């Protein structure tokens, strides 16, 4: 199995991630009850991913339920 990341796979994954991050902005906060926050998983928890995670947690509209980083160390 070839695990090399090509440009097409990167763009496809990036588009999905950007679309998922835009969902809280599209759905008004009044559509959810006080205990119905959006549950998110963070994929790619490097420097930028952790910055995004902190910003999402600070908003109070969602909670992070899973974190994944596929970088080989």
PDB file of N, CA and C in Angstrom:
ATOM      1  N   UNK A   1       0.840  -1.173   0.000  1.00  0.00           N
ATOM      2  CA  UNK A   1       0.000   0.000   0.000  1.00  0.00           C
ATOM      3  C   UNK A   1       0.889   1.242   0.000  1.00  0.00           C
ATOM      4  N   UNK A   2       0.630   2.150  -0.888  1.00  0.00           N
ATOM      5  CA  UNK A   2       1.402   3.374  -0.996  1.00  0.00           C
ATOM      6  C   UNK A   2       0.813   4.413  -0.048  1.00  0.00           C
ATOM      7  N   UNK A   3       1.585   4.803   0.964  1.00  0.00           N
ATOM      8  CA  UNK A   3       1.073   5.746   1.958  1.00  0.00           C
ATOM      9  C   UNK A   3       1.512   7.180   1.677  1.00  0.00           C
ATOM     10  N   UNK A   4       2.114   7.412   0.513  1.00  0.00           N
ATOM     11  CA  UNK A   4       2.553   8.769   0.172  1.00  0.00           C
ATOM     12  C   UNK A   4       1.336   9.661  -0.057  1.00  0.00           C
ATOM     13  N   UNK A   5       1.381  10.841   0.485  1.00  0.00           N
ATOM     14  CA  UNK A   5       0.286  11.794   0.354  1.00  0.00           C
ATOM     15  C   UNK A   5       0.508  12.612  -0.906  1.00  0.00           C
ATOM     16  N   UNK A   6      -0.426  12.515  -1.845  1.00  0.00           N
ATOM     17  CA  UNK A   6      -0.280  13.311  -3.057  1.00  0.00           C
ATOM     18  C   UNK A   6      -1.141  14.567  -2.956  1.00  0.00           C
ATOM     19  N   UNK A   7      -1.000  15.440  -3.929  1.00  0.00           N
ATOM     20  CA  UNK A   7      -1.681  16.735  -3.907  1.00  0.00           C
ATOM     21  C   UNK A   7      -3.198  16.571  -3.895  1.00  0.00           C
ATOM     22  N   UNK A   8      -3.718  15.651  -4.680  1.00  0.00           N
ATOM     23  CA  UNK A   8      -5.166  15.448  -4.759  1.00  0.00           C
ATOM     24  C   UNK A   8      -5.734  14.998  -3.416  1.00  0.00           C
ATOM     25  N   UNK A   9      -5.058  14.055  -2.754  1.00  0.00           N
ATOM     26  CA  UNK A   9      -5.529  13.577  -1.454  1.00  0.00           C
ATOM     27  C   UNK A   9      -5.464  14.700  -0.416  1.00  0.00           C
ATOM     28  N   UNK A  10      -4.405  15.506  -0.461  1.00  0.00           N
ATOM     29  CA  UNK A  10      -4.270  16.618   0.480  1.00  0.00           C
ATOM     30  C   UNK A  10      -5.391  17.628   0.294  1.00  0.00           C
ATOM     31  N   UNK A  11      -5.674  18.006  -0.953  1.00  0.00           N
ATOM     32  CA  UNK A  11      -6.730  18.984  -1.216  1.00  0.00           C
ATOM     33  C   UNK A  11      -8.100  18.449  -0.818  1.00  0.00           C
ATOM     34  N   UNK A  12      -8.337  17.170  -1.074  1.00  0.00           N
ATOM     35  CA  UNK A  12      -9.621  16.565  -0.698  1.00  0.00           C
ATOM     36  C   UNK A  12      -9.796  16.581   0.824  1.00  0.00           C
ATOM     37  N   UNK A  13      -8.762  16.179   1.550  1.00  0.00           N
ATOM     38  CA  UNK A  13      -8.828  16.181   3.009  1.00  0.00           C
ATOM     39  C   UNK A  13      -8.964  17.582   3.575  1.00  0.00           C
ATOM     40  N   UNK A  14      -8.266  18.531   2.974  1.00  0.00           N
ATOM     41  CA  UNK A  14      -8.347  19.918   3.432  1.00  0.00           C
ATOM     42  C   UNK A  14      -9.739  20.487   3.215  1.00  0.00           C
ATOM     43  N   UNK A  15     -10.347  20.171   2.075  1.00  0.00           N
ATOM     44  CA  UNK A  15     -11.694  20.668   1.787  1.00  0.00           C
ATOM     45  C   UNK A  15     -12.699  20.131   2.799  1.00  0.00           C
ATOM     46  N   UNK A  16     -12.579  18.862   3.150  1.00  0.00           N
ATOM     47  CA  UNK A  16     -13.484  18.267   4.139  1.00  0.00           C
ATOM     48  C   UNK A  16     -13.290  18.932   5.502  1.00  0.00           C
ATOM     49  N   UNK A  17     -12.040  19.162   5.889  1.00  0.00           N
ATOM     50  CA  UNK A  17     -11.767  19.789   7.185  1.00  0.00           C
ATOM     51  C   UNK A  17     -12.303  21.214   7.244  1.00  0.00           C
ATOM     52  N   UNK A  18     -12.112  21.967   6.186  1.00  0.00           N
ATOM     53  CA  UNK A  18     -12.602  23.349   6.155  1.00  0.00           C
ATOM     54  C   UNK A  18     -14.125  23.376   6.198  1.00  0.00           C
ATOM     55  N   UNK A  19     -14.759  22.471   5.464  1.00  0.00           N
ATOM     56  CA  UNK A  19     -16.224  22.413   5.469  1.00  0.00           C
ATOM     57  C   UNK A  19     -16.744  22.067   6.865  1.00  0.00           C
ATOM     58  N   UNK A  20     -16.087  21.131   7.539  1.00  0.00           N
ATOM     59  CA  UNK A  20     -16.518  20.735   8.880  1.00  0.00           C
ATOM     60  C   UNK A  20     -16.340  21.872   9.884  1.00  0.00           C
ATOM     61  N   UNK A  21     -15.299  22.666   9.724  1.00  0.00           N
ATOM     62  CA  UNK A  21     -15.071  23.772  10.654  1.00  0.00           C
ATOM     63  C   UNK A  21     -16.072  24.895  10.427  1.00  0.00           C
ATOM     64  N   UNK A  22     -16.655  24.981   9.235  1.00  0.00           N
ATOM     65  CA  UNK A  22     -17.622  26.029   8.945  1.00  0.00           C
ATOM     66  C   UNK A  22     -19.018  25.723   9.433  1.00  0.00           C
ATOM     67  N   UNK A  23     -19.285  24.477   9.804  1.00  0.00           N
ATOM     68  CA  UNK A  23     -20.628  24.082  10.230  1.00  0.00           C
ATOM     69  C   UNK A  23     -21.120  24.889  11.432  1.00  0.00           C
ATOM     70  N   UNK A  24     -20.333  25.093  12.498  1.00  0.00           N
ATOM     71  CA  UNK A  24     -20.848  25.886  13.619  1.00  0.00           C
ATOM     72  C   UNK A  24     -21.216  27.312  13.226  1.00  0.00           C
ATOM     73  N   UNK A  25     -20.563  27.868  12.218  1.00  0.00           N
ATOM     74  CA  UNK A  25     -20.883  29.227  11.779  1.00  0.00           C
ATOM     75  C   UNK A  25     -22.189  29.266  10.995  1.00  0.00           C
ATOM     76  N   UNK A  26     -22.542  28.158  10.341  1.00  0.00           N
ATOM     77  CA  UNK A  26     -23.756  28.102   9.530  1.00  0.00           C
ATOM     78  C   UNK A  26     -24.987  27.891  10.408  1.00  0.00           C
ATOM     79  N   UNK A  27     -24.874  27.031  11.402  1.00  0.00           N
ATOM     80  CA  UNK A  27     -26.003  26.702  12.278  1.00  0.00           C
ATOM     81  C   UNK A  27     -26.034  27.703  13.428  1.00  0.00           C
ATOM     82  N   UNK A  28     -27.112  28.451  13.590  1.00  0.00           N
ATOM     83  CA  UNK A  28     -27.155  29.431  14.679  1.00  0.00           C
ATOM     84  C   UNK A  28     -27.147  28.741  16.041  1.00  0.00           C
ATOM     85  N   UNK A  29     -26.548  29.396  17.011  1.00  0.00           N
ATOM     86  CA  UNK A  29     -26.446  28.826  18.354  1.00  0.00           C
ATOM     87  C   UNK A  29     -27.817  28.611  18.976  1.00  0.00           C
ATOM     88  N   UNK A  30     -28.823  29.375  18.549  1.00  0.00           N
ATOM     89  CA  UNK A  30     -30.160  29.225  19.116  1.00  0.00           C
ATOM     90  C   UNK A  30     -30.848  27.950  18.648  1.00  0.00           C
ATOM     91  N   UNK A  31     -30.289  27.273  17.637  1.00  0.00           N
ATOM     92  CA  UNK A  31     -30.885  26.035  17.150  1.00  0.00           C
ATOM     93  C   UNK A  31     -30.633  24.882  18.116  1.00  0.00           C
ATOM     94  N   UNK A  32     -29.678  25.031  19.014  1.00  0.00           N
ATOM     95  CA  UNK A  32     -29.335  23.982  19.961  1.00  0.00           C
ATOM     96  C   UNK A  32     -29.728  24.403  21.368  1.00  0.00           C
ATOM     97  N   UNK A  33     -30.053  23.416  22.184  1.00  0.00           N
ATOM     98  CA  UNK A  33     -30.317  23.694  23.583  1.00  0.00           C
ATOM     99  C   UNK A  33     -29.010  23.904  24.326  1.00  0.00           C
ATOM    100  N   UNK A  34     -29.108  24.247  25.592  1.00  0.00           N
ATOM    101  CA  UNK A  34     -27.916  24.540  26.388  1.00  0.00           C
ATOM    102  C   UNK A  34     -26.986  23.340  26.512  1.00  0.00           C
ATOM    103  N   UNK A  35     -27.524  22.128  26.509  1.00  0.00           N
ATOM    104  CA  UNK A  35     -26.710  20.927  26.672  1.00  0.00           C
ATOM    105  C   UNK A  35     -26.448  20.207  25.363  1.00  0.00           C
ATOM    106  N   UNK A  36     -26.747  20.815  24.262  1.00  0.00           N
ATOM    107  CA  UNK A  36     -26.583  20.158  22.972  1.00  0.00           C
ATOM    108  C   UNK A  36     -25.467  20.815  22.172  1.00  0.00           C
ATOM    109  N   UNK A  37     -24.257  20.741  22.704  1.00  0.00           N
ATOM    110  CA  UNK A  37     -23.108  21.303  22.000  1.00  0.00           C
ATOM    111  C   UNK A  37     -22.645  20.342  20.915  1.00  0.00           C
ATOM    112  N   UNK A  38     -21.984  20.871  19.914  1.00  0.00           N
ATOM    113  CA  UNK A  38     -21.470  20.068  18.810  1.00  0.00           C
ATOM    114  C   UNK A  38     -20.233  19.319  19.286  1.00  0.00           C
ATOM    115  N   UNK A  39     -20.174  18.009  19.020  1.00  0.00           N
ATOM    116  CA  UNK A  39     -19.017  17.193  19.366  1.00  0.00           C
ATOM    117  C   UNK A  39     -18.090  17.123  18.151  1.00  0.00           C
ATOM    118  N   UNK A  40     -16.813  17.443  18.350  1.00  0.00           N
ATOM    119  CA  UNK A  40     -15.839  17.468  17.259  1.00  0.00           C
ATOM    120  C   UNK A  40     -14.670  16.545  17.549  1.00  0.00           C
ATOM    121  N   UNK A  41     -14.061  16.052  16.486  1.00  0.00           N
ATOM    122  CA  UNK A  41     -12.804  15.332  16.561  1.00  0.00           C
ATOM    123  C   UNK A  41     -11.751  16.130  15.813  1.00  0.00           C
ATOM    124  N   UNK A  42     -10.570  16.273  16.388  1.00  0.00           N
ATOM    125  CA  UNK A  42      -9.486  17.030  15.759  1.00  0.00           C
ATOM    126  C   UNK A  42      -8.533  16.045  15.105  1.00  0.00           C
ATOM    127  N   UNK A  43      -8.370  16.169  13.798  1.00  0.00           N
ATOM    128  CA  UNK A  43      -7.445  15.322  13.051  1.00  0.00           C
ATOM    129  C   UNK A  43      -6.277  16.192  12.626  1.00  0.00           C
ATOM    130  N   UNK A  44      -5.081  15.796  13.016  1.00  0.00           N
ATOM    131  CA  UNK A  44      -3.902  16.601  12.739  1.00  0.00           C
ATOM    132  C   UNK A  44      -3.705  17.598  13.857  1.00  0.00           C
ATOM    133  N   UNK A  45      -3.264  17.121  14.996  1.00  0.00           N
ATOM    134  CA  UNK A  45      -3.204  17.966  16.191  1.00  0.00           C
ATOM    135  C   UNK A  45      -1.830  18.597  16.392  1.00  0.00           C
ATOM    136  N   UNK A  46      -1.177  18.981  15.317  1.00  0.00           N
ATOM    137  CA  UNK A  46       0.102  19.690  15.427  1.00  0.00           C
ATOM    138  C   UNK A  46      -0.116  21.090  15.967  1.00  0.00           C
ATOM    139  N   UNK A  47       0.820  21.986  15.701  1.00  0.00           N
ATOM    140  CA  UNK A  47       0.722  23.349  16.231  1.00  0.00           C
ATOM    141  C   UNK A  47      -0.560  24.041  15.808  1.00  0.00           C
ATOM    142  N   UNK A  48      -0.861  24.029  14.528  1.00  0.00           N
ATOM    143  CA  UNK A  48      -2.051  24.723  14.027  1.00  0.00           C
ATOM    144  C   UNK A  48      -3.327  24.011  14.484  1.00  0.00           C
ATOM    145  N   UNK A  49      -3.308  22.690  14.506  1.00  0.00           N
ATOM    146  CA  UNK A  49      -4.480  21.943  14.957  1.00  0.00           C
ATOM    147  C   UNK A  49      -4.810  22.217  16.415  1.00  0.00           C
ATOM    148  N   UNK A  50      -3.786  22.323  17.259  1.00  0.00           N
ATOM    149  CA  UNK A  50      -4.034  22.612  18.667  1.00  0.00           C
ATOM    150  C   UNK A  50      -4.510  24.048  18.858  1.00  0.00           C
ATOM    151  N   UNK A  51      -4.021  24.974  18.035  1.00  0.00           N
ATOM    152  CA  UNK A  51      -4.514  26.352  18.094  1.00  0.00           C
ATOM    153  C   UNK A  51      -5.998  26.387  17.745  1.00  0.00           C
ATOM    154  N   UNK A  52      -6.380  25.664  16.690  1.00  0.00           N
ATOM    155  CA  UNK A  52      -7.795  25.593  16.315  1.00  0.00           C
ATOM    156  C   UNK A  52      -8.620  24.951  17.424  1.00  0.00           C
ATOM    157  N   UNK A  53      -8.095  23.897  18.047  1.00  0.00           N
ATOM    158  CA  UNK A  53      -8.817  23.219  19.121  1.00  0.00           C
ATOM    159  C   UNK A  53      -9.052  24.163  20.299  1.00  0.00           C
ATOM    160  N   UNK A  54      -8.029  24.936  20.677  1.00  0.00           N
ATOM    161  CA  UNK A  54      -8.195  25.893  21.784  1.00  0.00           C
ATOM    162  C   UNK A  54      -9.249  26.946  21.447  1.00  0.00           C
ATOM    163  N   UNK A  55      -9.230  27.438  20.210  1.00  0.00           N
ATOM    164  CA  UNK A  55     -10.217  28.440  19.803  1.00  0.00           C
ATOM    165  C   UNK A  55     -11.631  27.864  19.816  1.00  0.00           C
ATOM    166  N   UNK A  56     -11.779  26.619  19.372  1.00  0.00           N
ATOM    167  CA  UNK A  56     -13.096  25.981  19.373  1.00  0.00           C
ATOM    168  C   UNK A  56     -13.602  25.778  20.799  1.00  0.00           C
ATOM    169  N   UNK A  57     -12.729  25.332  21.694  1.00  0.00           N
ATOM    170  CA  UNK A  57     -13.147  25.127  23.081  1.00  0.00           C
ATOM    171  C   UNK A  57     -13.514  26.452  23.745  1.00  0.00           C
ATOM    172  N   UNK A  58     -12.814  27.523  23.391  1.00  0.00           N
ATOM    173  CA  UNK A  58     -13.092  28.832  23.986  1.00  0.00           C
ATOM    174  C   UNK A  58     -14.441  29.380  23.545  1.00  0.00           C
ATOM    175  N   UNK A  59     -14.923  28.956  22.376  1.00  0.00           N
ATOM    176  CA  UNK A  59     -16.207  29.466  21.879  1.00  0.00           C
ATOM    177  C   UNK A  59     -17.374  28.980  22.732  1.00  0.00           C
ATOM    178  N   UNK A  60     -17.242  27.794  23.332  1.00  0.00           N
ATOM    179  CA  UNK A  60     -18.298  27.251  24.172  1.00  0.00           C
ATOM    180  C   UNK A  60     -19.422  26.578  23.401  1.00  0.00           C
ATOM    181  N   UNK A  61     -19.393  26.637  22.065  1.00  0.00           N
ATOM    182  CA  UNK A  61     -20.450  26.038  21.254  1.00  0.00           C
ATOM    183  C   UNK A  61     -20.194  24.573  20.934  1.00  0.00           C
ATOM    184  N   UNK A  62     -19.001  24.077  21.233  1.00  0.00           N
ATOM    185  CA  UNK A  62     -18.683  22.695  20.887  1.00  0.00           C
ATOM    186  C   UNK A  62     -17.762  22.104  21.945  1.00  0.00           C
ATOM    187  N   UNK A  63     -17.604  20.793  21.848  1.00  0.00           N
ATOM    188  CA  UNK A  63     -16.672  20.097  22.731  1.00  0.00           C
ATOM    189  C   UNK A  63     -15.848  19.149  21.878  1.00  0.00           C
ATOM    190  N   UNK A  64     -14.616  18.966  22.235  1.00  0.00           N
ATOM    191  CA  UNK A  64     -13.722  18.088  21.492  1.00  0.00           C
ATOM    192  C   UNK A  64     -13.751  16.728  22.165  1.00  0.00           C
ATOM    193  N   UNK A  65     -14.112  15.702  21.393  1.00  0.00           N
ATOM    194  CA  UNK A  65     -14.260  14.366  21.954  1.00  0.00           C
ATOM    195  C   UNK A  65     -13.159  13.414  21.515  1.00  0.00           C
ATOM    196  N   UNK A  66     -12.378  13.786  20.480  1.00  0.00           N
ATOM    197  CA  UNK A  66     -11.309  12.915  19.997  1.00  0.00           C
ATOM    198  C   UNK A  66     -10.209  13.756  19.367  1.00  0.00           C
ATOM    199  N   UNK A  67      -8.965  13.266  19.505  1.00  0.00           N
ATOM    200  CA  UNK A  67      -7.812  13.941  18.912  1.00  0.00           C
ATOM    201  C   UNK A  67      -6.941  12.885  18.257  1.00  0.00           C
ATOM    202  N   UNK A  68      -6.454  13.182  17.041  1.00  0.00           N
ATOM    203  CA  UNK A  68      -5.619  12.234  16.308  1.00  0.00           C
ATOM    204  C   UNK A  68      -4.521  12.992  15.580  1.00  0.00           C
ATOM    205  N   UNK A  69      -3.301  12.461  15.610  1.00  0.00           N
ATOM    206  CA  UNK A  69      -2.203  13.015  14.830  1.00  0.00           C
ATOM    207  C   UNK A  69      -1.466  11.841  14.212  1.00  0.00           C
ATOM    208  N   UNK A  70      -1.447  11.793  12.898  1.00  0.00           N
ATOM    209  CA  UNK A  70      -0.877  10.651  12.189  1.00  0.00           C
ATOM    210  C   UNK A  70       0.595  10.831  11.850  1.00  0.00           C
ATOM    211  N   UNK A  71       1.256  11.829  12.381  1.00  0.00           N
ATOM    212  CA  UNK A  71       2.666  12.058  12.071  1.00  0.00           C
ATOM    213  C   UNK A  71       3.508  10.939  12.676  1.00  0.00           C
ATOM    214  N   UNK A  72       4.424  10.403  11.876  1.00  0.00           N
ATOM    215  CA  UNK A  72       5.330   9.370  12.375  1.00  0.00           C
ATOM    216  C   UNK A  72       6.491  10.036  13.101  1.00  0.00           C
ATOM    217  N   UNK A  73       6.792   9.571  14.287  1.00  0.00           N
ATOM    218  CA  UNK A  73       7.895  10.164  15.062  1.00  0.00           C
ATOM    219  C   UNK A  73       9.121   9.306  14.974  1.00  0.00           C
TER     220      UNK A  73
END
